[in-house]
Amino acid sequence: MRSSKITRKTAETAISVQINLDGKGVYDNQTGIGFFDHMLDQLSRHSLIDMTVKAKGDLHIDDHHTVEDTGIALGQAIAQALGDKRGIRRYGSCLLAMDDAQVRCALDLSARPFLIWNVDLPTAKIGTFDTELVREFFQALSTHGGITLHVDCLHGINSHHIAEAAFKSVARALREAVETDPRKSDDVPSTKGAL
């Protein structure tokens, strides 16, 4: 079973992330940030990665450290669960519509982290959640998961819909990329022989 558990503790946050790449999208995410929990739930459900996230952070300051550190821990958990990446499809993409929003994601589990983020969220807040933290989460996920991640919002007018479409699009692309390729289940998907 391709699973992992990561614990991250700093002066600002205490994060525990447990995942199973071969799951059914079962989740239990509790970060103390309602909107962020909702987005993590979407990430789990649509990637089919079972995910449990427990986070305690300095929310009396703001949500930044909790969101970023959760992205770090989740990225580390994905990288650990993938191991040497033998047999995975490696690449994934999704063009996802959600009401007014349409978001495109393409990613590569290359061990070469890079984020391209062309997503404008028209409001500074979704409820009490700072919308700039959506990018912060994906930056941390990309960096610590070793993921080349491109996310583009083609159009959208509602910040909640755009953010949710981004999480769902990344989830669907991730689902495709981590799946075992039945034609190459014993090979690392690279001419280099390693990722």
N, C-alpha and C. Protein backbone atom coordinates (compact mmCIF):
# COMPACT_ATOMS: atom_id res chain seq x y z
N MET A 1 0.85 -1.19 0.00
CA MET A 1 0.00 0.00 0.00
C MET A 1 0.89 1.24 0.00
N ARG A 2 0.58 2.19 -0.86
CA ARG A 2 1.36 3.41 -0.97
C ARG A 2 0.78 4.45 -0.02
N SER A 3 1.29 4.45 1.20
CA SER A 3 0.77 5.36 2.22
C SER A 3 1.93 5.97 2.98
N SER A 4 1.63 7.05 3.70
CA SER A 4 2.67 7.70 4.50
C SER A 4 2.03 8.54 5.58
N LYS A 5 2.85 8.87 6.56
CA LYS A 5 2.43 9.78 7.62
C LYS A 5 3.57 10.74 7.90
N ILE A 6 3.25 12.02 7.92
CA ILE A 6 4.23 13.07 8.18
C ILE A 6 3.75 13.89 9.38
N THR A 7 4.67 14.16 10.28
CA THR A 7 4.39 15.06 11.41
C THR A 7 5.38 16.21 11.32
N ARG A 8 4.83 17.42 11.40
CA ARG A 8 5.67 18.63 11.32
C ARG A 8 5.33 19.52 12.51
N LYS A 9 6.33 19.85 13.30
CA LYS A 9 6.10 20.70 14.48
C LYS A 9 7.10 21.84 14.47
N THR A 10 6.57 23.06 14.53
CA THR A 10 7.41 24.26 14.63
C THR A 10 6.87 25.11 15.77
N ALA A 11 7.49 26.26 15.97
CA ALA A 11 6.99 27.19 16.99
C ALA A 11 5.64 27.78 16.59
N GLU A 12 5.27 27.64 15.31
CA GLU A 12 4.03 28.25 14.81
C GLU A 12 2.90 27.25 14.60
N THR A 13 3.25 25.99 14.27
CA THR A 13 2.23 25.01 13.93
C THR A 13 2.62 23.60 14.40
N ALA A 14 1.61 22.76 14.54
CA ALA A 14 1.80 21.32 14.73
C ALA A 14 0.87 20.64 13.75
N ILE A 15 1.46 19.93 12.77
CA ILE A 15 0.69 19.35 11.66
C ILE A 15 0.93 17.85 11.61
N SER A 16 -0.14 17.11 11.41
CA SER A 16 -0.04 15.67 11.17
C SER A 16 -0.83 15.37 9.90
N VAL A 17 -0.18 14.71 8.94
CA VAL A 17 -0.82 14.36 7.67
C VAL A 17 -0.64 12.86 7.44
N GLN A 18 -1.73 12.18 7.16
CA GLN A 18 -1.68 10.76 6.83
C GLN A 18 -2.44 10.56 5.52
N ILE A 19 -1.81 9.89 4.55
CA ILE A 19 -2.44 9.68 3.24
C ILE A 19 -2.29 8.24 2.77
N ASN A 20 -3.19 7.84 1.89
CA ASN A 20 -3.12 6.58 1.17
C ASN A 20 -3.43 6.89 -0.29
N LEU A 21 -2.42 6.76 -1.14
CA LEU A 21 -2.59 7.09 -2.56
C LEU A 21 -3.57 6.17 -3.26
N ASP A 22 -3.76 4.97 -2.72
CA ASP A 22 -4.64 3.98 -3.34
C ASP A 22 -5.98 3.90 -2.62
N GLY A 23 -6.44 5.03 -2.15
CA GLY A 23 -7.67 5.07 -1.38
C GLY A 23 -8.91 5.29 -2.22
N LYS A 24 -9.93 5.80 -1.56
CA LYS A 24 -11.22 6.05 -2.20
C LYS A 24 -11.68 7.49 -2.01
N GLY A 25 -10.77 8.34 -1.54
CA GLY A 25 -11.14 9.73 -1.30
C GLY A 25 -11.82 9.94 0.03
N VAL A 26 -11.47 9.14 1.01
CA VAL A 26 -12.01 9.28 2.36
C VAL A 26 -11.16 10.32 3.09
N TYR A 27 -11.79 11.24 3.81
CA TYR A 27 -11.04 12.33 4.41
C TYR A 27 -11.53 12.67 5.81
N ASP A 28 -10.61 13.24 6.58
CA ASP A 28 -10.91 13.82 7.89
C ASP A 28 -9.90 14.94 8.09
N ASN A 29 -10.28 16.14 7.68
CA ASN A 29 -9.37 17.28 7.69
C ASN A 29 -9.83 18.31 8.71
N GLN A 30 -8.97 18.60 9.66
CA GLN A 30 -9.31 19.53 10.73
C GLN A 30 -8.12 20.46 10.98
N THR A 31 -8.21 21.65 10.39
CA THR A 31 -7.13 22.63 10.53
C THR A 31 -7.54 23.83 11.37
N GLY A 32 -8.81 23.92 11.71
CA GLY A 32 -9.29 25.10 12.40
C GLY A 32 -9.69 26.22 11.46
N ILE A 33 -9.55 25.98 10.15
CA ILE A 33 -9.89 26.98 9.13
C ILE A 33 -10.95 26.37 8.23
N GLY A 34 -12.18 26.78 8.40
CA GLY A 34 -13.31 26.14 7.74
C GLY A 34 -13.20 26.04 6.24
N PHE A 35 -12.91 27.14 5.58
CA PHE A 35 -12.82 27.12 4.11
C PHE A 35 -11.69 26.22 3.65
N PHE A 36 -10.56 26.28 4.35
CA PHE A 36 -9.41 25.45 3.98
C PHE A 36 -9.73 23.97 4.15
N ASP A 37 -10.41 23.61 5.21
CA ASP A 37 -10.85 22.22 5.40
C ASP A 37 -11.71 21.77 4.22
N HIS A 38 -12.61 22.65 3.80
CA HIS A 38 -13.49 22.35 2.67
C HIS A 38 -12.67 22.09 1.40
N MET A 39 -11.62 22.87 1.19
CA MET A 39 -10.76 22.68 0.02
C MET A 39 -9.95 21.39 0.12
N LEU A 40 -9.44 21.08 1.30
CA LEU A 40 -8.71 19.82 1.48
C LEU A 40 -9.63 18.62 1.27
N ASP A 41 -10.89 18.75 1.72
CA ASP A 41 -11.87 17.69 1.47
C ASP A 41 -12.04 17.45 -0.03
N GLN A 42 -12.10 18.55 -0.80
CA GLN A 42 -12.24 18.43 -2.26
C GLN A 42 -11.01 17.76 -2.86
N LEU A 43 -9.84 18.15 -2.36
CA LEU A 43 -8.59 17.58 -2.87
C LEU A 43 -8.57 16.07 -2.66
N SER A 44 -9.00 15.62 -1.49
CA SER A 44 -9.05 14.20 -1.20
C SER A 44 -10.10 13.48 -2.04
N ARG A 45 -11.31 13.99 -2.02
CA ARG A 45 -12.43 13.32 -2.69
C ARG A 45 -12.18 13.14 -4.18
N HIS A 46 -11.63 14.18 -4.84
CA HIS A 46 -11.49 14.13 -6.29
C HIS A 46 -10.18 13.52 -6.76
N SER A 47 -9.21 13.37 -5.85
CA SER A 47 -7.97 12.66 -6.20
C SER A 47 -8.07 11.18 -5.85
N LEU A 48 -9.06 10.82 -5.04
CA LEU A 48 -9.22 9.48 -4.47
C LEU A 48 -8.07 9.12 -3.52
N ILE A 49 -7.38 10.14 -3.02
CA ILE A 49 -6.34 9.93 -2.01
C ILE A 49 -7.00 10.06 -0.64
N ASP A 50 -6.97 8.98 0.14
CA ASP A 50 -7.46 9.08 1.52
C ASP A 50 -6.55 10.04 2.27
N MET A 51 -7.14 10.94 3.06
CA MET A 51 -6.36 12.01 3.66
C MET A 51 -6.90 12.37 5.04
N THR A 52 -6.01 12.36 6.00
CA THR A 52 -6.32 12.86 7.33
C THR A 52 -5.32 13.94 7.67
N VAL A 53 -5.82 15.14 7.91
CA VAL A 53 -4.97 16.27 8.27
C VAL A 53 -5.44 16.83 9.60
N LYS A 54 -4.54 16.90 10.55
CA LYS A 54 -4.81 17.53 11.85
C LYS A 54 -3.80 18.65 12.00
N ALA A 55 -4.28 19.86 12.19
CA ALA A 55 -3.38 21.00 12.31
C ALA A 55 -3.80 21.91 13.45
N LYS A 56 -2.81 22.33 14.20
CA LYS A 56 -3.01 23.37 15.22
C LYS A 56 -1.98 24.44 14.92
N GLY A 57 -2.48 25.64 14.68
CA GLY A 57 -1.56 26.71 14.31
C GLY A 57 -1.87 28.00 15.04
N ASP A 58 -1.05 28.99 14.79
CA ASP A 58 -1.19 30.29 15.45
C ASP A 58 -2.26 31.13 14.75
N LEU A 59 -3.48 30.63 14.80
CA LEU A 59 -4.59 31.30 14.11
C LEU A 59 -4.94 32.64 14.74
N HIS A 60 -4.45 32.89 15.95
CA HIS A 60 -4.66 34.21 16.57
C HIS A 60 -3.87 35.29 15.82
N ILE A 61 -2.86 34.85 15.06
CA ILE A 61 -2.11 35.80 14.21
C ILE A 61 -2.82 35.90 12.86
N ASP A 62 -2.84 34.81 12.13
CA ASP A 62 -3.64 34.67 10.90
C ASP A 62 -3.54 33.21 10.45
N ASP A 63 -4.06 32.93 9.25
CA ASP A 63 -4.11 31.54 8.77
C ASP A 63 -2.86 31.12 8.00
N HIS A 64 -1.96 32.06 7.75
CA HIS A 64 -0.86 31.83 6.81
C HIS A 64 -0.01 30.62 7.17
N HIS A 65 0.51 30.59 8.40
CA HIS A 65 1.44 29.52 8.77
C HIS A 65 0.77 28.15 8.71
N THR A 66 -0.48 28.08 9.12
CA THR A 66 -1.20 26.80 9.12
C THR A 66 -1.40 26.30 7.70
N VAL A 67 -1.81 27.18 6.79
CA VAL A 67 -2.05 26.79 5.41
C VAL A 67 -0.73 26.38 4.74
N GLU A 68 0.29 27.20 4.89
CA GLU A 68 1.58 26.90 4.25
C GLU A 68 2.18 25.61 4.80
N ASP A 69 2.19 25.45 6.11
CA ASP A 69 2.79 24.27 6.71
C ASP A 69 2.01 23.00 6.38
N THR A 70 0.70 23.12 6.21
CA THR A 70 -0.09 21.97 5.77
C THR A 70 0.32 21.58 4.35
N GLY A 71 0.54 22.57 3.49
CA GLY A 71 1.02 22.29 2.13
C GLY A 71 2.38 21.62 2.14
N ILE A 72 3.27 22.06 3.03
CA ILE A 72 4.59 21.45 3.15
C ILE A 72 4.46 19.98 3.56
N ALA A 73 3.68 19.73 4.62
CA ALA A 73 3.54 18.36 5.13
C ALA A 73 2.84 17.45 4.13
N LEU A 74 1.83 17.97 3.45
CA LEU A 74 1.11 17.15 2.46
C LEU A 74 2.02 16.83 1.28
N GLY A 75 2.81 17.81 0.83
CA GLY A 75 3.76 17.55 -0.24
C GLY A 75 4.77 16.48 0.15
N GLN A 76 5.29 16.56 1.37
CA GLN A 76 6.24 15.56 1.86
C GLN A 76 5.59 14.18 1.93
N ALA A 77 4.33 14.15 2.36
CA ALA A 77 3.62 12.87 2.47
C ALA A 77 3.43 12.23 1.09
N ILE A 78 3.08 13.03 0.09
CA ILE A 78 2.91 12.51 -1.27
C ILE A 78 4.23 11.97 -1.79
N ALA A 79 5.30 12.74 -1.62
CA ALA A 79 6.62 12.30 -2.10
C ALA A 79 7.04 11.01 -1.42
N GLN A 80 6.81 10.91 -0.12
CA GLN A 80 7.18 9.70 0.62
C GLN A 80 6.36 8.49 0.16
N ALA A 81 5.05 8.70 -0.02
CA ALA A 81 4.18 7.59 -0.43
C ALA A 81 4.51 7.10 -1.84
N LEU A 82 4.99 7.99 -2.70
CA LEU A 82 5.34 7.61 -4.08
C LEU A 82 6.63 6.79 -4.14
N GLY A 83 7.48 6.92 -3.14
CA GLY A 83 8.74 6.18 -3.13
C GLY A 83 9.58 6.48 -4.36
N ASP A 84 10.02 5.44 -5.07
CA ASP A 84 10.85 5.66 -6.26
C ASP A 84 10.02 5.93 -7.51
N LYS A 85 8.69 5.99 -7.34
CA LYS A 85 7.73 6.33 -8.41
C LYS A 85 7.65 5.27 -9.50
N ARG A 86 8.10 4.08 -9.17
CA ARG A 86 8.03 2.98 -10.12
C ARG A 86 6.57 2.68 -10.46
N GLY A 87 6.27 2.63 -11.76
CA GLY A 87 4.96 2.22 -12.22
C GLY A 87 3.89 3.30 -12.31
N ILE A 88 4.20 4.53 -11.88
CA ILE A 88 3.17 5.57 -11.93
C ILE A 88 3.05 6.15 -13.34
N ARG A 89 1.92 6.79 -13.58
CA ARG A 89 1.74 7.47 -14.86
C ARG A 89 2.59 8.73 -14.96
N ARG A 90 2.85 9.37 -13.84
CA ARG A 90 3.72 10.52 -13.70
C ARG A 90 3.05 11.84 -14.07
N TYR A 91 2.38 11.89 -15.20
CA TYR A 91 1.75 13.13 -15.67
C TYR A 91 0.24 13.09 -15.43
N GLY A 92 -0.33 14.26 -15.21
CA GLY A 92 -1.78 14.36 -15.09
C GLY A 92 -2.24 15.73 -15.52
N SER A 93 -3.47 15.79 -16.00
CA SER A 93 -4.04 17.08 -16.39
C SER A 93 -5.55 17.04 -16.23
N CYS A 94 -6.13 18.22 -16.11
CA CYS A 94 -7.58 18.31 -15.98
C CYS A 94 -8.03 19.71 -16.37
N LEU A 95 -9.08 19.77 -17.16
CA LEU A 95 -9.76 21.01 -17.47
C LEU A 95 -11.11 20.92 -16.78
N LEU A 96 -11.31 21.75 -15.76
CA LEU A 96 -12.47 21.59 -14.88
C LEU A 96 -13.35 22.83 -14.86
N ALA A 97 -14.63 22.61 -15.05
CA ALA A 97 -15.61 23.70 -14.97
C ALA A 97 -16.37 23.61 -13.66
N MET A 98 -16.56 24.76 -13.02
CA MET A 98 -17.41 24.84 -11.84
C MET A 98 -18.18 26.15 -11.94
N ASP A 99 -19.43 26.04 -12.33
CA ASP A 99 -20.28 27.22 -12.51
C ASP A 99 -19.59 28.22 -13.43
N ASP A 100 -19.28 29.41 -12.94
CA ASP A 100 -18.68 30.45 -13.78
C ASP A 100 -17.19 30.24 -14.01
N ALA A 101 -16.56 29.37 -13.23
CA ALA A 101 -15.10 29.22 -13.27
C ALA A 101 -14.69 28.03 -14.12
N GLN A 102 -13.58 28.21 -14.83
CA GLN A 102 -12.95 27.11 -15.55
C GLN A 102 -11.45 27.17 -15.28
N VAL A 103 -10.92 26.08 -14.72
CA VAL A 103 -9.52 26.03 -14.33
C VAL A 103 -8.86 24.82 -14.97
N ARG A 104 -7.65 25.06 -15.47
CA ARG A 104 -6.87 24.01 -16.12
C ARG A 104 -5.64 23.71 -15.26
N CYS A 105 -5.36 22.44 -15.06
CA CYS A 105 -4.16 22.03 -14.34
C CYS A 105 -3.41 21.00 -15.17
N ALA A 106 -2.10 21.14 -15.21
CA ALA A 106 -1.22 20.12 -15.76
C ALA A 106 -0.08 19.96 -14.77
N LEU A 107 0.27 18.70 -14.47
CA LEU A 107 1.34 18.49 -13.50
C LEU A 107 2.21 17.30 -13.87
N ASP A 108 3.40 17.31 -13.30
CA ASP A 108 4.40 16.28 -13.54
C ASP A 108 5.04 15.95 -12.20
N LEU A 109 4.99 14.69 -11.80
CA LEU A 109 5.61 14.25 -10.55
C LEU A 109 7.09 13.98 -10.81
N SER A 110 7.80 15.03 -11.16
CA SER A 110 9.14 14.96 -11.74
C SER A 110 10.26 15.02 -10.72
N ALA A 111 9.95 15.38 -9.47
CA ALA A 111 10.96 15.71 -8.45
C ALA A 111 11.64 17.04 -8.76
N ARG A 112 11.10 17.78 -9.72
CA ARG A 112 11.61 19.12 -10.05
C ARG A 112 10.48 20.12 -9.78
N PRO A 113 10.42 20.64 -8.55
CA PRO A 113 9.30 21.52 -8.20
C PRO A 113 9.32 22.83 -8.97
N PHE A 114 8.16 23.18 -9.47
CA PHE A 114 8.00 24.47 -10.15
C PHE A 114 6.51 24.78 -10.18
N LEU A 115 6.16 25.99 -9.81
CA LEU A 115 4.76 26.40 -9.83
C LEU A 115 4.55 27.52 -10.83
N ILE A 116 3.63 27.31 -11.76
CA ILE A 116 3.10 28.37 -12.61
C ILE A 116 1.68 28.60 -12.14
N TRP A 117 1.37 29.81 -11.71
CA TRP A 117 0.08 30.12 -11.09
C TRP A 117 -0.54 31.32 -11.81
N ASN A 118 -1.44 31.05 -12.72
CA ASN A 118 -2.16 32.11 -13.43
C ASN A 118 -3.62 32.08 -12.98
N VAL A 119 -3.82 32.42 -11.72
CA VAL A 119 -5.15 32.39 -11.11
C VAL A 119 -5.36 33.70 -10.38
N ASP A 120 -6.28 34.51 -10.87
CA ASP A 120 -6.64 35.76 -10.20
C ASP A 120 -7.94 35.55 -9.46
N LEU A 121 -7.88 35.76 -8.15
CA LEU A 121 -9.08 35.67 -7.32
C LEU A 121 -9.58 37.10 -7.10
N PRO A 122 -10.81 37.40 -7.53
CA PRO A 122 -11.25 38.80 -7.57
C PRO A 122 -11.48 39.46 -6.22
N THR A 123 -11.56 38.68 -5.15
CA THR A 123 -11.76 39.28 -3.83
C THR A 123 -10.58 38.91 -2.93
N ALA A 124 -10.33 39.73 -1.92
CA ALA A 124 -9.24 39.48 -0.98
C ALA A 124 -9.60 38.40 0.03
N LYS A 125 -10.88 38.15 0.21
CA LYS A 125 -11.33 37.18 1.21
C LYS A 125 -12.42 36.29 0.63
N ILE A 126 -12.47 35.05 1.11
CA ILE A 126 -13.62 34.18 0.94
C ILE A 126 -14.08 33.91 2.36
N GLY A 127 -15.15 34.54 2.79
CA GLY A 127 -15.50 34.54 4.21
C GLY A 127 -14.40 35.25 4.97
N THR A 128 -13.74 34.54 5.88
CA THR A 128 -12.61 35.13 6.62
C THR A 128 -11.26 34.66 6.08
N PHE A 129 -11.29 33.85 5.02
CA PHE A 129 -10.08 33.24 4.48
C PHE A 129 -9.40 34.18 3.48
N ASP A 130 -8.10 34.43 3.66
CA ASP A 130 -7.34 35.26 2.72
C ASP A 130 -7.11 34.48 1.43
N THR A 131 -7.60 35.03 0.32
CA THR A 131 -7.50 34.29 -0.94
C THR A 131 -6.05 34.11 -1.42
N GLU A 132 -5.14 34.99 -1.00
CA GLU A 132 -3.74 34.83 -1.41
C GLU A 132 -3.13 33.54 -0.86
N LEU A 133 -3.77 32.94 0.14
CA LEU A 133 -3.25 31.71 0.72
C LEU A 133 -3.48 30.49 -0.15
N VAL A 134 -4.37 30.59 -1.13
CA VAL A 134 -4.56 29.48 -2.06
C VAL A 134 -3.26 29.22 -2.81
N ARG A 135 -2.66 30.28 -3.31
CA ARG A 135 -1.36 30.13 -4.00
C ARG A 135 -0.29 29.64 -3.05
N GLU A 136 -0.27 30.17 -1.82
CA GLU A 136 0.74 29.75 -0.84
C GLU A 136 0.68 28.25 -0.59
N PHE A 137 -0.54 27.72 -0.50
CA PHE A 137 -0.70 26.28 -0.29
C PHE A 137 -0.11 25.49 -1.45
N PHE A 138 -0.45 25.88 -2.68
CA PHE A 138 0.03 25.13 -3.83
C PHE A 138 1.53 25.32 -4.05
N GLN A 139 2.08 26.47 -3.66
CA GLN A 139 3.53 26.65 -3.74
C GLN A 139 4.23 25.67 -2.81
N ALA A 140 3.73 25.55 -1.58
CA ALA A 140 4.32 24.62 -0.61
C ALA A 140 4.15 23.17 -1.05
N LEU A 141 2.97 22.84 -1.56
CA LEU A 141 2.71 21.48 -2.05
C LEU A 141 3.66 21.11 -3.19
N SER A 142 3.80 22.02 -4.14
CA SER A 142 4.68 21.80 -5.29
C SER A 142 6.13 21.63 -4.85
N THR A 143 6.61 22.54 -4.02
CA THR A 143 8.01 22.53 -3.59
C THR A 143 8.35 21.26 -2.83
N HIS A 144 7.51 20.89 -1.87
CA HIS A 144 7.85 19.78 -0.99
C HIS A 144 7.37 18.43 -1.53
N GLY A 145 6.50 18.46 -2.54
CA GLY A 145 6.10 17.23 -3.20
C GLY A 145 6.93 16.92 -4.42
N GLY A 146 7.81 17.86 -4.82
CA GLY A 146 8.61 17.68 -6.03
C GLY A 146 7.74 17.65 -7.28
N ILE A 147 6.77 18.56 -7.32
CA ILE A 147 5.77 18.56 -8.39
C ILE A 147 5.95 19.79 -9.28
N THR A 148 6.06 19.56 -10.58
CA THR A 148 5.91 20.66 -11.53
C THR A 148 4.42 20.86 -11.70
N LEU A 149 3.93 22.04 -11.33
CA LEU A 149 2.49 22.27 -11.23
C LEU A 149 2.13 23.56 -11.96
N HIS A 150 1.29 23.43 -12.97
CA HIS A 150 0.79 24.58 -13.73
C HIS A 150 -0.72 24.67 -13.51
N VAL A 151 -1.18 25.83 -13.02
CA VAL A 151 -2.60 26.05 -12.79
C VAL A 151 -3.00 27.36 -13.44
N ASP A 152 -4.00 27.29 -14.32
CA ASP A 152 -4.46 28.47 -15.05
C ASP A 152 -5.97 28.60 -14.92
N CYS A 153 -6.42 29.78 -14.51
CA CYS A 153 -7.86 30.06 -14.52
C CYS A 153 -8.19 30.69 -15.86
N LEU A 154 -9.00 30.00 -16.65
CA LEU A 154 -9.35 30.51 -17.98
C LEU A 154 -10.42 31.58 -17.89
N HIS A 155 -11.35 31.42 -16.95
CA HIS A 155 -12.29 32.48 -16.62
C HIS A 155 -13.03 32.15 -15.33
N GLY A 156 -13.62 33.19 -14.75
CA GLY A 156 -14.36 33.03 -13.50
C GLY A 156 -14.60 34.37 -12.87
N ILE A 157 -15.69 34.48 -12.14
CA ILE A 157 -16.02 35.76 -11.49
C ILE A 157 -16.21 35.62 -9.99
N ASN A 158 -16.39 34.40 -9.50
CA ASN A 158 -16.65 34.18 -8.09
C ASN A 158 -15.42 33.53 -7.45
N SER A 159 -14.86 34.17 -6.42
CA SER A 159 -13.61 33.69 -5.81
C SER A 159 -13.75 32.28 -5.25
N HIS A 160 -14.87 31.99 -4.62
CA HIS A 160 -15.08 30.65 -4.05
C HIS A 160 -15.06 29.60 -5.16
N HIS A 161 -15.77 29.88 -6.25
CA HIS A 161 -15.81 28.93 -7.37
C HIS A 161 -14.44 28.74 -8.00
N ILE A 162 -13.69 29.83 -8.15
CA ILE A 162 -12.36 29.74 -8.77
C ILE A 162 -11.43 28.93 -7.89
N ALA A 163 -11.40 29.23 -6.60
CA ALA A 163 -10.52 28.49 -5.68
C ALA A 163 -10.89 27.02 -5.63
N GLU A 164 -12.18 26.73 -5.55
CA GLU A 164 -12.61 25.34 -5.48
C GLU A 164 -12.31 24.60 -6.78
N ALA A 165 -12.50 25.27 -7.90
CA ALA A 165 -12.16 24.66 -9.19
C ALA A 165 -10.67 24.36 -9.28
N ALA A 166 -9.84 25.23 -8.70
CA ALA A 166 -8.39 24.99 -8.69
C ALA A 166 -8.06 23.74 -7.90
N PHE A 167 -8.62 23.62 -6.70
CA PHE A 167 -8.36 22.43 -5.88
C PHE A 167 -8.85 21.17 -6.57
N LYS A 168 -10.04 21.23 -7.16
CA LYS A 168 -10.59 20.05 -7.83
C LYS A 168 -9.79 19.69 -9.08
N SER A 169 -9.35 20.68 -9.82
CA SER A 169 -8.56 20.42 -11.02
C SER A 169 -7.22 19.78 -10.67
N VAL A 170 -6.56 20.31 -9.65
CA VAL A 170 -5.31 19.72 -9.19
C VAL A 170 -5.55 18.29 -8.71
N ALA A 171 -6.65 18.09 -7.99
CA ALA A 171 -6.98 16.76 -7.48
C ALA A 171 -7.14 15.75 -8.60
N ARG A 172 -7.88 16.12 -9.63
CA ARG A 172 -8.12 15.19 -10.74
C ARG A 172 -6.82 14.90 -11.50
N ALA A 173 -5.98 15.91 -11.67
CA ALA A 173 -4.69 15.70 -12.33
C ALA A 173 -3.79 14.81 -11.47
N LEU A 174 -3.81 15.03 -10.17
CA LEU A 174 -3.00 14.23 -9.25
C LEU A 174 -3.47 12.77 -9.26
N ARG A 175 -4.78 12.57 -9.30
CA ARG A 175 -5.33 11.21 -9.38
C ARG A 175 -4.75 10.46 -10.58
N GLU A 176 -4.73 11.13 -11.70
CA GLU A 176 -4.21 10.51 -12.93
C GLU A 176 -2.72 10.22 -12.81
N ALA A 177 -1.96 11.18 -12.25
CA ALA A 177 -0.51 11.06 -12.22
C ALA A 177 -0.02 9.97 -11.27
N VAL A 178 -0.71 9.77 -10.14
CA VAL A 178 -0.24 8.78 -9.16
C VAL A 178 -0.71 7.36 -9.49
N GLU A 179 -1.65 7.24 -10.43
CA GLU A 179 -2.16 5.91 -10.77
C GLU A 179 -1.06 5.03 -11.36
N THR A 180 -1.18 3.74 -11.12
CA THR A 180 -0.26 2.77 -11.70
C THR A 180 -0.60 2.57 -13.18
N ASP A 181 0.42 2.61 -14.00
CA ASP A 181 0.27 2.39 -15.43
C ASP A 181 0.37 0.89 -15.69
N PRO A 182 -0.72 0.23 -16.08
CA PRO A 182 -0.69 -1.23 -16.24
C PRO A 182 0.28 -1.69 -17.32
N ARG A 183 0.66 -0.82 -18.23
CA ARG A 183 1.59 -1.21 -19.29
C ARG A 183 3.04 -1.09 -18.86
N LYS A 184 3.30 -0.35 -17.77
CA LYS A 184 4.67 -0.12 -17.31
C LYS A 184 4.74 -0.16 -15.79
N SER A 185 4.11 -1.13 -15.18
CA SER A 185 3.97 -1.14 -13.72
C SER A 185 5.28 -1.40 -12.97
N ASP A 186 6.32 -1.86 -13.67
CA ASP A 186 7.60 -2.12 -13.01
C ASP A 186 8.68 -1.11 -13.35
N ASP A 187 8.34 -0.12 -14.15
CA ASP A 187 9.35 0.83 -14.62
C ASP A 187 9.17 2.21 -14.01
N VAL A 188 10.28 2.91 -13.85
CA VAL A 188 10.25 4.32 -13.49
C VAL A 188 9.99 5.10 -14.78
N PRO A 189 8.97 5.97 -14.80
CA PRO A 189 8.60 6.64 -16.05
C PRO A 189 9.55 7.79 -16.44
N SER A 190 10.78 7.42 -16.74
CA SER A 190 11.77 8.40 -17.17
C SER A 190 12.88 7.68 -17.93
N THR A 191 13.39 8.31 -18.99
CA THR A 191 14.53 7.73 -19.70
C THR A 191 15.79 7.76 -18.86
N LYS A 192 15.78 8.56 -17.78
CA LYS A 192 16.95 8.63 -16.88
C LYS A 192 17.02 7.41 -15.98
N GLY A 193 15.87 6.73 -15.81
CA GLY A 193 15.83 5.58 -14.92
C GLY A 193 15.54 5.92 -13.48
N ALA A 194 15.40 7.22 -13.19
CA ALA A 194 15.10 7.67 -11.83
C ALA A 194 14.40 9.01 -11.90
N LEU A 195 13.53 9.24 -10.92
CA LEU A 195 12.87 10.55 -10.79
C LEU A 195 13.16 11.10 -9.40
